[in-house]
């Protein structure tokens, strides 16, 4: 199983327009990354991938822009750190926990 699989089902709602672009970029970046053995390693992997993609720490970010997302013409590149911290990453983590529980059963 690969981490990218946790991104297969996209959320119904986004914070800012750049969030969907970031979601898809992270899905692609992590597509071939083996699933970590435990939750703390997954959390660290997600935080590191977020940092690499945005140059921002999830712990301190509110709203910011990623200029290369703005270049796509569909958005100003806005990212909502709060959406990632309180909704999107928890959604990914829930999927991971469900998969781990199914594997253990």
PDB file of N, CA and C in Angstrom:
ATOM      1  N   UNK A   1       0.839  -1.179   0.000  1.00  0.00           N
ATOM      2  CA  UNK A   1       0.000   0.000   0.000  1.00  0.00           C
ATOM      3  C   UNK A   1       0.894   1.256   0.000  1.00  0.00           C
ATOM      4  N   UNK A   2       0.444   2.289  -0.696  1.00  0.00           N
ATOM      5  CA  UNK A   2       1.199   3.528  -0.854  1.00  0.00           C
ATOM      6  C   UNK A   2       0.436   4.702  -0.250  1.00  0.00           C
ATOM      7  N   UNK A   3       1.168   5.715   0.209  1.00  0.00           N
ATOM      8  CA  UNK A   3       0.570   6.887   0.853  1.00  0.00           C
ATOM      9  C   UNK A   3      -0.357   7.625  -0.109  1.00  0.00           C
ATOM     10  N   UNK A   4      -0.001   7.678  -1.372  1.00  0.00           N
ATOM     11  CA  UNK A   4      -0.834   8.362  -2.357  1.00  0.00           C
ATOM     12  C   UNK A   4      -2.267   7.858  -2.402  1.00  0.00           C
ATOM     13  N   UNK A   5      -2.476   6.617  -2.005  1.00  0.00           N
ATOM     14  CA  UNK A   5      -3.824   6.054  -1.996  1.00  0.00           C
ATOM     15  C   UNK A   5      -4.731   6.750  -0.981  1.00  0.00           C
ATOM     16  N   UNK A   6      -4.162   7.364   0.030  1.00  0.00           N
ATOM     17  CA  UNK A   6      -4.946   8.087   1.031  1.00  0.00           C
ATOM     18  C   UNK A   6      -5.577   9.354   0.454  1.00  0.00           C
ATOM     19  N   UNK A   7      -5.101   9.781  -0.704  1.00  0.00           N
ATOM     20  CA  UNK A   7      -5.582  11.001  -1.348  1.00  0.00           C
ATOM     21  C   UNK A   7      -6.583  10.720  -2.467  1.00  0.00           C
ATOM     22  N   UNK A   8      -6.930   9.460  -2.696  1.00  0.00           N
ATOM     23  CA  UNK A   8      -7.777   9.110  -3.843  1.00  0.00           C
ATOM     24  C   UNK A   8      -9.141   9.788  -3.805  1.00  0.00           C
ATOM     25  N   UNK A   9      -9.777   9.805  -2.669  1.00  0.00           N
ATOM     26  CA  UNK A   9     -11.090  10.434  -2.563  1.00  0.00           C
ATOM     27  C   UNK A   9     -10.883  11.870  -2.087  1.00  0.00           C
ATOM     28  N   UNK A  10     -11.236  12.815  -2.945  1.00  0.00           N
ATOM     29  CA  UNK A  10     -11.051  14.221  -2.610  1.00  0.00           C
ATOM     30  C   UNK A  10     -12.202  14.724  -1.739  1.00  0.00           C
ATOM     31  N   UNK A  11     -11.922  15.714  -0.911  1.00  0.00           N
ATOM     32  CA  UNK A  11     -12.980  16.318  -0.094  1.00  0.00           C
ATOM     33  C   UNK A  11     -14.044  16.979  -0.968  1.00  0.00           C
ATOM     34  N   UNK A  12     -15.227  17.137  -0.416  1.00  0.00           N
ATOM     35  CA  UNK A  12     -16.308  17.817  -1.123  1.00  0.00           C
ATOM     36  C   UNK A  12     -16.117  19.326  -1.123  1.00  0.00           C
ATOM     37  N   UNK A  13     -15.431  19.835  -0.106  1.00  0.00           N
ATOM     38  CA  UNK A  13     -15.231  21.280   0.038  1.00  0.00           C
ATOM     39  C   UNK A  13     -13.771  21.580   0.305  1.00  0.00           C
ATOM     40  N   UNK A  14     -13.372  22.773  -0.141  1.00  0.00           N
ATOM     41  CA  UNK A  14     -11.996  23.236   0.038  1.00  0.00           C
ATOM     42  C   UNK A  14     -12.027  24.565   0.778  1.00  0.00           C
ATOM     43  N   UNK A  15     -10.892  24.950   1.339  1.00  0.00           N
ATOM     44  CA  UNK A  15     -10.790  26.261   1.967  1.00  0.00           C
ATOM     45  C   UNK A  15     -10.609  27.336   0.909  1.00  0.00           C
ATOM     46  N   UNK A  16      -9.435  27.347   0.276  1.00  0.00           N
ATOM     47  CA  UNK A  16      -9.119  28.288  -0.798  1.00  0.00           C
ATOM     48  C   UNK A  16      -8.849  27.499  -2.075  1.00  0.00           C
ATOM     49  N   UNK A  17      -8.848  28.168  -3.187  1.00  0.00           N
ATOM     50  CA  UNK A  17      -8.715  27.465  -4.470  1.00  0.00           C
ATOM     51  C   UNK A  17      -7.404  26.706  -4.628  1.00  0.00           C
ATOM     52  N   UNK A  18      -6.356  27.196  -4.010  1.00  0.00           N
ATOM     53  CA  UNK A  18      -5.075  26.500  -4.104  1.00  0.00           C
ATOM     54  C   UNK A  18      -5.028  25.199  -3.326  1.00  0.00           C
ATOM     55  N   UNK A  19      -5.964  25.000  -2.401  1.00  0.00           N
ATOM     56  CA  UNK A  19      -5.954  23.780  -1.589  1.00  0.00           C
ATOM     57  C   UNK A  19      -6.149  22.528  -2.445  1.00  0.00           C
ATOM     58  N   UNK A  20      -7.021  22.602  -3.426  1.00  0.00           N
ATOM     59  CA  UNK A  20      -7.249  21.450  -4.286  1.00  0.00           C
ATOM     60  C   UNK A  20      -6.008  21.149  -5.130  1.00  0.00           C
ATOM     61  N   UNK A  21      -5.338  22.180  -5.596  1.00  0.00           N
ATOM     62  CA  UNK A  21      -4.106  21.986  -6.360  1.00  0.00           C
ATOM     63  C   UNK A  21      -3.052  21.341  -5.474  1.00  0.00           C
ATOM     64  N   UNK A  22      -2.941  21.812  -4.238  1.00  0.00           N
ATOM     65  CA  UNK A  22      -1.974  21.233  -3.301  1.00  0.00           C
ATOM     66  C   UNK A  22      -2.322  19.777  -3.005  1.00  0.00           C
ATOM     67  N   UNK A  23      -3.590  19.479  -2.802  1.00  0.00           N
ATOM     68  CA  UNK A  23      -4.024  18.095  -2.549  1.00  0.00           C
ATOM     69  C   UNK A  23      -3.533  17.180  -3.674  1.00  0.00           C
ATOM     70  N   UNK A  24      -3.763  17.604  -4.890  1.00  0.00           N
ATOM     71  CA  UNK A  24      -3.381  16.784  -6.052  1.00  0.00           C
ATOM     72  C   UNK A  24      -1.863  16.670  -6.188  1.00  0.00           C
ATOM     73  N   UNK A  25      -1.162  17.744  -5.850  1.00  0.00           N
ATOM     74  CA  UNK A  25       0.303  17.689  -5.901  1.00  0.00           C
ATOM     75  C   UNK A  25       0.837  16.717  -4.851  1.00  0.00           C
ATOM     76  N   UNK A  26       0.300  16.790  -3.636  1.00  0.00           N
ATOM     77  CA  UNK A  26       0.742  15.869  -2.588  1.00  0.00           C
ATOM     78  C   UNK A  26       0.415  14.423  -2.954  1.00  0.00           C
ATOM     79  N   UNK A  27      -0.757  14.201  -3.543  1.00  0.00           N
ATOM     80  CA  UNK A  27      -1.135  12.852  -3.980  1.00  0.00           C
ATOM     81  C   UNK A  27      -0.115  12.308  -4.975  1.00  0.00           C
ATOM     82  N   UNK A  28       0.295  13.156  -5.908  1.00  0.00           N
ATOM     83  CA  UNK A  28       1.274  12.739  -6.911  1.00  0.00           C
ATOM     84  C   UNK A  28       2.651  12.528  -6.281  1.00  0.00           C
ATOM     85  N   UNK A  29       3.045  13.460  -5.425  1.00  0.00           N
ATOM     86  CA  UNK A  29       4.349  13.366  -4.769  1.00  0.00           C
ATOM     87  C   UNK A  29       4.466  12.092  -3.930  1.00  0.00           C
ATOM     88  N   UNK A  30       3.386  11.732  -3.244  1.00  0.00           N
ATOM     89  CA  UNK A  30       3.410  10.591  -2.325  1.00  0.00           C
ATOM     90  C   UNK A  30       2.868   9.303  -2.949  1.00  0.00           C
ATOM     91  N   UNK A  31       2.600   9.325  -4.248  1.00  0.00           N
ATOM     92  CA  UNK A  31       1.982   8.182  -4.923  1.00  0.00           C
ATOM     93  C   UNK A  31       2.759   6.884  -4.732  1.00  0.00           C
ATOM     94  N   UNK A  32       4.069   6.951  -4.780  1.00  0.00           N
ATOM     95  CA  UNK A  32       4.879   5.738  -4.687  1.00  0.00           C
ATOM     96  C   UNK A  32       5.555   5.553  -3.336  1.00  0.00           C
ATOM     97  N   UNK A  33       5.201   6.404  -2.363  1.00  0.00           N
ATOM     98  CA  UNK A  33       5.802   6.308  -1.031  1.00  0.00           C
ATOM     99  C   UNK A  33       5.140   5.188  -0.249  1.00  0.00           C
ATOM    100  N   UNK A  34       5.918   4.233   0.254  1.00  0.00           N
ATOM    101  CA  UNK A  34       5.325   3.145   1.038  1.00  0.00           C
ATOM    102  C   UNK A  34       4.602   3.687   2.277  1.00  0.00           C
ATOM    103  N   UNK A  35       3.524   3.032   2.634  1.00  0.00           N
ATOM    104  CA  UNK A  35       2.742   3.434   3.800  1.00  0.00           C
ATOM    105  C   UNK A  35       3.596   3.244   5.058  1.00  0.00           C
ATOM    106  N   UNK A  36       3.678   4.269   5.902  1.00  0.00           N
ATOM    107  CA  UNK A  36       4.443   4.140   7.143  1.00  0.00           C
ATOM    108  C   UNK A  36       3.827   3.077   8.056  1.00  0.00           C
ATOM    109  N   UNK A  37       4.646   2.550   8.943  1.00  0.00           N
ATOM    110  CA  UNK A  37       4.211   1.478   9.839  1.00  0.00           C
ATOM    111  C   UNK A  37       3.312   1.980  10.962  1.00  0.00           C
ATOM    112  N   UNK A  38       3.389   3.287  11.263  1.00  0.00           N
ATOM    113  CA  UNK A  38       2.569   3.789  12.367  1.00  0.00           C
ATOM    114  C   UNK A  38       2.148   5.238  12.110  1.00  0.00           C
ATOM    115  N   UNK A  39       1.200   5.680  12.903  1.00  0.00           N
ATOM    116  CA  UNK A  39       0.616   7.009  12.735  1.00  0.00           C
ATOM    117  C   UNK A  39       1.616   8.151  12.919  1.00  0.00           C
ATOM    118  N   UNK A  40       2.477   8.129  13.941  1.00  0.00           N
ATOM    119  CA  UNK A  40       3.443   9.239  14.073  1.00  0.00           C
ATOM    120  C   UNK A  40       4.324   9.416  12.830  1.00  0.00           C
ATOM    121  N   UNK A  41       4.700   8.301  12.192  1.00  0.00           N
ATOM    122  CA  UNK A  41       5.517   8.420  10.987  1.00  0.00           C
ATOM    123  C   UNK A  41       4.705   9.000   9.820  1.00  0.00           C
ATOM    124  N   UNK A  42       3.440   8.638   9.731  1.00  0.00           N
ATOM    125  CA  UNK A  42       2.589   9.221   8.696  1.00  0.00           C
ATOM    126  C   UNK A  42       2.434  10.722   8.917  1.00  0.00           C
ATOM    127  N   UNK A  43       2.175  11.118  10.148  1.00  0.00           N
ATOM    128  CA  UNK A  43       2.012  12.542  10.448  1.00  0.00           C
ATOM    129  C   UNK A  43       3.266  13.322  10.067  1.00  0.00           C
ATOM    130  N   UNK A  44       4.423  12.790  10.397  1.00  0.00           N
ATOM    131  CA  UNK A  44       5.690  13.453  10.063  1.00  0.00           C
ATOM    132  C   UNK A  44       5.877  13.536   8.542  1.00  0.00           C
ATOM    133  N   UNK A  45       5.539  12.455   7.864  1.00  0.00           N
ATOM    134  CA  UNK A  45       5.648  12.418   6.409  1.00  0.00           C
ATOM    135  C   UNK A  45       4.752  13.480   5.770  1.00  0.00           C
ATOM    136  N   UNK A  46       3.519  13.597   6.252  1.00  0.00           N
ATOM    137  CA  UNK A  46       2.594  14.594   5.722  1.00  0.00           C
ATOM    138  C   UNK A  46       3.085  16.017   5.995  1.00  0.00           C
ATOM    139  N   UNK A  47       3.563  16.260   7.211  1.00  0.00           N
ATOM    140  CA  UNK A  47       4.077  17.587   7.557  1.00  0.00           C
ATOM    141  C   UNK A  47       5.278  17.950   6.684  1.00  0.00           C
ATOM    142  N   UNK A  48       6.165  16.983   6.474  1.00  0.00           N
ATOM    143  CA  UNK A  48       7.345  17.228   5.636  1.00  0.00           C
ATOM    144  C   UNK A  48       6.944  17.498   4.183  1.00  0.00           C
ATOM    145  N   UNK A  49       5.984  16.732   3.671  1.00  0.00           N
ATOM    146  CA  UNK A  49       5.524  16.928   2.291  1.00  0.00           C
ATOM    147  C   UNK A  49       4.861  18.293   2.134  1.00  0.00           C
ATOM    148  N   UNK A  50       4.081  18.698   3.137  1.00  0.00           N
ATOM    149  CA  UNK A  50       3.440  20.016   3.124  1.00  0.00           C
ATOM    150  C   UNK A  50       4.508  21.107   3.081  1.00  0.00           C
ATOM    151  N   UNK A  51       5.528  20.973   3.917  1.00  0.00           N
ATOM    152  CA  UNK A  51       6.630  21.940   3.950  1.00  0.00           C
ATOM    153  C   UNK A  51       7.345  22.010   2.597  1.00  0.00           C
ATOM    154  N   UNK A  52       7.659  20.844   2.040  1.00  0.00           N
ATOM    155  CA  UNK A  52       8.357  20.806   0.752  1.00  0.00           C
ATOM    156  C   UNK A  52       7.528  21.458  -0.360  1.00  0.00           C
ATOM    157  N   UNK A  53       6.226  21.245  -0.330  1.00  0.00           N
ATOM    158  CA  UNK A  53       5.359  21.765  -1.389  1.00  0.00           C
ATOM    159  C   UNK A  53       5.067  23.251  -1.254  1.00  0.00           C
ATOM    160  N   UNK A  54       5.041  23.743  -0.008  1.00  0.00           N
ATOM    161  CA  UNK A  54       4.595  25.121   0.210  1.00  0.00           C
ATOM    162  C   UNK A  54       5.648  26.050   0.792  1.00  0.00           C
ATOM    163  N   UNK A  55       6.666  25.484   1.442  1.00  0.00           N
ATOM    164  CA  UNK A  55       7.637  26.312   2.139  1.00  0.00           C
ATOM    165  C   UNK A  55       7.088  26.860   3.450  1.00  0.00           C
ATOM    166  N   UNK A  56       5.972  26.307   3.891  1.00  0.00           N
ATOM    167  CA  UNK A  56       5.310  26.764   5.114  1.00  0.00           C
ATOM    168  C   UNK A  56       5.178  25.606   6.105  1.00  0.00           C
ATOM    169  N   UNK A  57       5.258  25.934   7.364  1.00  0.00           N
ATOM    170  CA  UNK A  57       5.011  24.951   8.412  1.00  0.00           C
ATOM    171  C   UNK A  57       3.515  24.899   8.684  1.00  0.00           C
ATOM    172  N   UNK A  58       2.968  23.716   8.686  1.00  0.00           N
ATOM    173  CA  UNK A  58       1.551  23.562   8.964  1.00  0.00           C
ATOM    174  C   UNK A  58       1.206  24.055  10.364  1.00  0.00           C
ATOM    175  N   UNK A  59       2.144  23.952  11.276  1.00  0.00           N
ATOM    176  CA  UNK A  59       1.893  24.344  12.670  1.00  0.00           C
ATOM    177  C   UNK A  59       1.639  25.844  12.825  1.00  0.00           C
ATOM    178  N   UNK A  60       2.206  26.651  11.937  1.00  0.00           N
ATOM    179  CA  UNK A  60       2.117  28.098  12.111  1.00  0.00           C
ATOM    180  C   UNK A  60       1.338  28.814  11.012  1.00  0.00           C
ATOM    181  N   UNK A  61       0.921  28.093  10.000  1.00  0.00           N
ATOM    182  CA  UNK A  61       0.290  28.717   8.843  1.00  0.00           C
ATOM    183  C   UNK A  61      -1.185  28.989   9.053  1.00  0.00           C
ATOM    184  N   UNK A  62      -1.612  30.133   8.568  1.00  0.00           N
ATOM    185  CA  UNK A  62      -3.038  30.429   8.499  1.00  0.00           C
ATOM    186  C   UNK A  62      -3.390  30.431   7.011  1.00  0.00           C
ATOM    187  N   UNK A  63      -3.365  31.583   6.382  1.00  0.00           N
ATOM    188  CA  UNK A  63      -3.550  31.651   4.935  1.00  0.00           C
ATOM    189  C   UNK A  63      -2.282  32.205   4.305  1.00  0.00           C
ATOM    190  N   UNK A  64      -1.913  31.628   3.179  1.00  0.00           N
ATOM    191  CA  UNK A  64      -0.723  32.076   2.460  1.00  0.00           C
ATOM    192  C   UNK A  64      -0.881  31.713   0.998  1.00  0.00           C
ATOM    193  N   UNK A  65       0.027  32.180   0.182  1.00  0.00           N
ATOM    194  CA  UNK A  65      -0.033  31.860  -1.242  1.00  0.00           C
ATOM    195  C   UNK A  65       1.172  31.029  -1.659  1.00  0.00           C
ATOM    196  N   UNK A  66       0.951  30.212  -2.660  1.00  0.00           N
ATOM    197  CA  UNK A  66       2.018  29.455  -3.308  1.00  0.00           C
ATOM    198  C   UNK A  66       2.058  29.985  -4.743  1.00  0.00           C
ATOM    199  N   UNK A  67       3.053  30.801  -5.063  1.00  0.00           N
ATOM    200  CA  UNK A  67       3.078  31.485  -6.358  1.00  0.00           C
ATOM    201  C   UNK A  67       2.946  30.570  -7.570  1.00  0.00           C
ATOM    202  N   UNK A  68       3.529  29.385  -7.529  1.00  0.00           N
ATOM    203  CA  UNK A  68       3.437  28.520  -8.711  1.00  0.00           C
ATOM    204  C   UNK A  68       2.011  28.036  -8.951  1.00  0.00           C
ATOM    205  N   UNK A  69       1.179  27.994  -7.919  1.00  0.00           N
ATOM    206  CA  UNK A  69      -0.225  27.636  -8.105  1.00  0.00           C
ATOM    207  C   UNK A  69      -0.969  28.774  -8.801  1.00  0.00           C
ATOM    208  N   UNK A  70      -0.573  29.996  -8.530  1.00  0.00           N
ATOM    209  CA  UNK A  70      -1.194  31.157  -9.171  1.00  0.00           C
ATOM    210  C   UNK A  70      -0.888  31.182 -10.665  1.00  0.00           C
ATOM    211  N   UNK A  71       0.243  30.635 -11.041  1.00  0.00           N
ATOM    212  CA  UNK A  71       0.643  30.610 -12.447  1.00  0.00           C
ATOM    213  C   UNK A  71      -0.285  29.749 -13.288  1.00  0.00           C
ATOM    214  N   UNK A  72      -1.018  28.855 -12.652  1.00  0.00           N
ATOM    215  CA  UNK A  72      -1.937  27.996 -13.392  1.00  0.00           C
ATOM    216  C   UNK A  72      -3.154  28.766 -13.886  1.00  0.00           C
ATOM    217  N   UNK A  73      -3.329  30.003 -13.423  1.00  0.00           N
ATOM    218  CA  UNK A  73      -4.382  30.864 -13.923  1.00  0.00           C
ATOM    219  C   UNK A  73      -5.759  30.629 -13.331  1.00  0.00           C
ATOM    220  N   UNK A  74      -5.942  29.571 -12.564  1.00  0.00           N
ATOM    221  CA  UNK A  74      -7.242  29.263 -12.002  1.00  0.00           C
ATOM    222  C   UNK A  74      -7.414  29.817 -10.596  1.00  0.00           C
ATOM    223  N   UNK A  75      -6.357  30.263 -10.018  1.00  0.00           N
ATOM    224  CA  UNK A  75      -6.367  30.650  -8.620  1.00  0.00           C
ATOM    225  C   UNK A  75      -5.278  31.672  -8.360  1.00  0.00           C
ATOM    226  N   UNK A  76      -5.347  32.315  -7.250  1.00  0.00           N
ATOM    227  CA  UNK A  76      -4.256  33.208  -6.832  1.00  0.00           C
ATOM    228  C   UNK A  76      -3.226  32.426  -6.023  1.00  0.00           C
ATOM    229  N   UNK A  77      -3.419  31.126  -5.899  1.00  0.00           N
ATOM    230  CA  UNK A  77      -2.462  30.292  -5.179  1.00  0.00           C
ATOM    231  C   UNK A  77      -2.697  30.248  -3.694  1.00  0.00           C
ATOM    232  N   UNK A  78      -3.885  30.628  -3.247  1.00  0.00           N
ATOM    233  CA  UNK A  78      -4.186  30.672  -1.816  1.00  0.00           C
ATOM    234  C   UNK A  78      -4.324  29.302  -1.197  1.00  0.00           C
ATOM    235  N   UNK A  79      -3.699  29.148  -0.031  1.00  0.00           N
ATOM    236  CA  UNK A  79      -3.762  27.926   0.762  1.00  0.00           C
ATOM    237  C   UNK A  79      -4.270  28.290   2.147  1.00  0.00           C
ATOM    238  N   UNK A  80      -5.187  27.503   2.655  1.00  0.00           N
ATOM    239  CA  UNK A  80      -5.697  27.690   4.017  1.00  0.00           C
ATOM    240  C   UNK A  80      -5.022  26.692   4.950  1.00  0.00           C
ATOM    241  N   UNK A  81      -4.084  27.175   5.740  1.00  0.00           N
ATOM    242  CA  UNK A  81      -3.410  26.307   6.699  1.00  0.00           C
ATOM    243  C   UNK A  81      -4.386  25.689   7.683  1.00  0.00           C
ATOM    244  N   UNK A  82      -5.398  26.454   8.072  1.00  0.00           N
ATOM    245  CA  UNK A  82      -6.385  25.942   9.031  1.00  0.00           C
ATOM    246  C   UNK A  82      -7.155  24.758   8.452  1.00  0.00           C
ATOM    247  N   UNK A  83      -7.520  24.821   7.184  1.00  0.00           N
ATOM    248  CA  UNK A  83      -8.238  23.701   6.556  1.00  0.00           C
ATOM    249  C   UNK A  83      -7.367  22.455   6.538  1.00  0.00           C
ATOM    250  N   UNK A  84      -6.106  22.637   6.232  1.00  0.00           N
ATOM    251  CA  UNK A  84      -5.196  21.478   6.216  1.00  0.00           C
ATOM    252  C   UNK A  84      -5.004  20.917   7.616  1.00  0.00           C
ATOM    253  N   UNK A  85      -4.842  21.789   8.568  1.00  0.00           N
ATOM    254  CA  UNK A  85      -4.567  21.352   9.950  1.00  0.00           C
ATOM    255  C   UNK A  85      -5.787  20.693  10.592  1.00  0.00           C
ATOM    256  N   UNK A  86      -6.965  21.268  10.374  1.00  0.00           N
ATOM    257  CA  UNK A  86      -8.154  20.816  11.109  1.00  0.00           C
ATOM    258  C   UNK A  86      -9.113  19.947  10.306  1.00  0.00           C
ATOM    259  N   UNK A  87      -8.950  19.909   8.983  1.00  0.00           N
ATOM    260  CA  UNK A  87      -9.899  19.116   8.207  1.00  0.00           C
ATOM    261  C   UNK A  87      -9.234  18.120   7.261  1.00  0.00           C
ATOM    262  N   UNK A  88      -8.318  18.583   6.421  1.00  0.00           N
ATOM    263  CA  UNK A  88      -7.775  17.722   5.371  1.00  0.00           C
ATOM    264  C   UNK A  88      -6.809  16.667   5.909  1.00  0.00           C
ATOM    265  N   UNK A  89      -5.819  17.084   6.722  1.00  0.00           N
ATOM    266  CA  UNK A  89      -4.920  16.073   7.281  1.00  0.00           C
ATOM    267  C   UNK A  89      -5.660  15.121   8.219  1.00  0.00           C
ATOM    268  N   UNK A  90      -6.583  15.601   9.064  1.00  0.00           N
ATOM    269  CA  UNK A  90      -7.357  14.639   9.868  1.00  0.00           C
ATOM    270  C   UNK A  90      -8.144  13.649   9.003  1.00  0.00           C
ATOM    271  N   UNK A  91      -8.636  14.104   7.859  1.00  0.00           N
ATOM    272  CA  UNK A  91      -9.347  13.212   6.936  1.00  0.00           C
ATOM    273  C   UNK A  91      -8.411  12.120   6.421  1.00  0.00           C
ATOM    274  N   UNK A  92      -7.194  12.501   6.055  1.00  0.00           N
ATOM    275  CA  UNK A  92      -6.198  11.540   5.575  1.00  0.00           C
ATOM    276  C   UNK A  92      -5.831  10.568   6.700  1.00  0.00           C
ATOM    277  N   UNK A  93      -5.656  11.093   7.881  1.00  0.00           N
ATOM    278  CA  UNK A  93      -5.286  10.247   9.027  1.00  0.00           C
ATOM    279  C   UNK A  93      -6.402   9.250   9.344  1.00  0.00           C
ATOM    280  N   UNK A  94      -7.665   9.687   9.260  1.00  0.00           N
ATOM    281  CA  UNK A  94      -8.784   8.755   9.481  1.00  0.00           C
ATOM    282  C   UNK A  94      -8.753   7.611   8.466  1.00  0.00           C
ATOM    283  N   UNK A  95      -8.453   7.926   7.214  1.00  0.00           N
ATOM    284  CA  UNK A  95      -8.347   6.884   6.190  1.00  0.00           C
ATOM    285  C   UNK A  95      -7.238   5.897   6.539  1.00  0.00           C
ATOM    286  N   UNK A  96      -6.106   6.426   7.002  1.00  0.00           N
ATOM    287  CA  UNK A  96      -4.991   5.584   7.393  1.00  0.00           C
ATOM    288  C   UNK A  96      -5.400   4.644   8.532  1.00  0.00           C
ATOM    289  N   UNK A  97      -6.074   5.193   9.535  1.00  0.00           N
ATOM    290  CA  UNK A  97      -6.513   4.393  10.693  1.00  0.00           C
ATOM    291  C   UNK A  97      -7.491   3.306  10.235  1.00  0.00           C
ATOM    292  N   UNK A  98      -8.403   3.646   9.334  1.00  0.00           N
ATOM    293  CA  UNK A  98      -9.351   2.652   8.818  1.00  0.00           C
ATOM    294  C   UNK A  98      -8.623   1.528   8.083  1.00  0.00           C
ATOM    295  N   UNK A  99      -7.671   1.880   7.247  1.00  0.00           N
ATOM    296  CA  UNK A  99      -6.901   0.886   6.506  1.00  0.00           C
ATOM    297  C   UNK A  99      -6.119  -0.001   7.463  1.00  0.00           C
ATOM    298  N   UNK A 100      -5.502   0.607   8.476  1.00  0.00           N
ATOM    299  CA  UNK A 100      -4.735  -0.167   9.459  1.00  0.00           C
ATOM    300  C   UNK A 100      -5.639  -1.123  10.225  1.00  0.00           C
ATOM    301  N   UNK A 101      -6.839  -0.657  10.578  1.00  0.00           N
ATOM    302  CA  UNK A 101      -7.786  -1.508  11.312  1.00  0.00           C
ATOM    303  C   UNK A 101      -8.240  -2.674  10.436  1.00  0.00           C
ATOM    304  N   UNK A 102      -8.501  -2.405   9.165  1.00  0.00           N
ATOM    305  CA  UNK A 102      -8.911  -3.478   8.251  1.00  0.00           C
ATOM    306  C   UNK A 102      -7.795  -4.499   8.074  1.00  0.00           C
ATOM    307  N   UNK A 103      -6.557  -4.023   7.991  1.00  0.00           N
ATOM    308  CA  UNK A 103      -5.423  -4.926   7.823  1.00  0.00           C
ATOM    309  C   UNK A 103      -5.205  -5.793   9.062  1.00  0.00           C
ATOM    310  N   UNK A 104      -5.500  -5.234  10.222  1.00  0.00           N
ATOM    311  CA  UNK A 104      -5.314  -5.968  11.476  1.00  0.00           C
ATOM    312  C   UNK A 104      -6.419  -6.999  11.712  1.00  0.00           C
ATOM    313  N   UNK A 105      -7.561  -6.781  11.066  1.00  0.00           N
ATOM    314  CA  UNK A 105      -8.713  -7.683  11.289  1.00  0.00           C
ATOM    315  C   UNK A 105      -8.571  -8.995  10.568  1.00  0.00           C
TER     316      UNK A 105
END
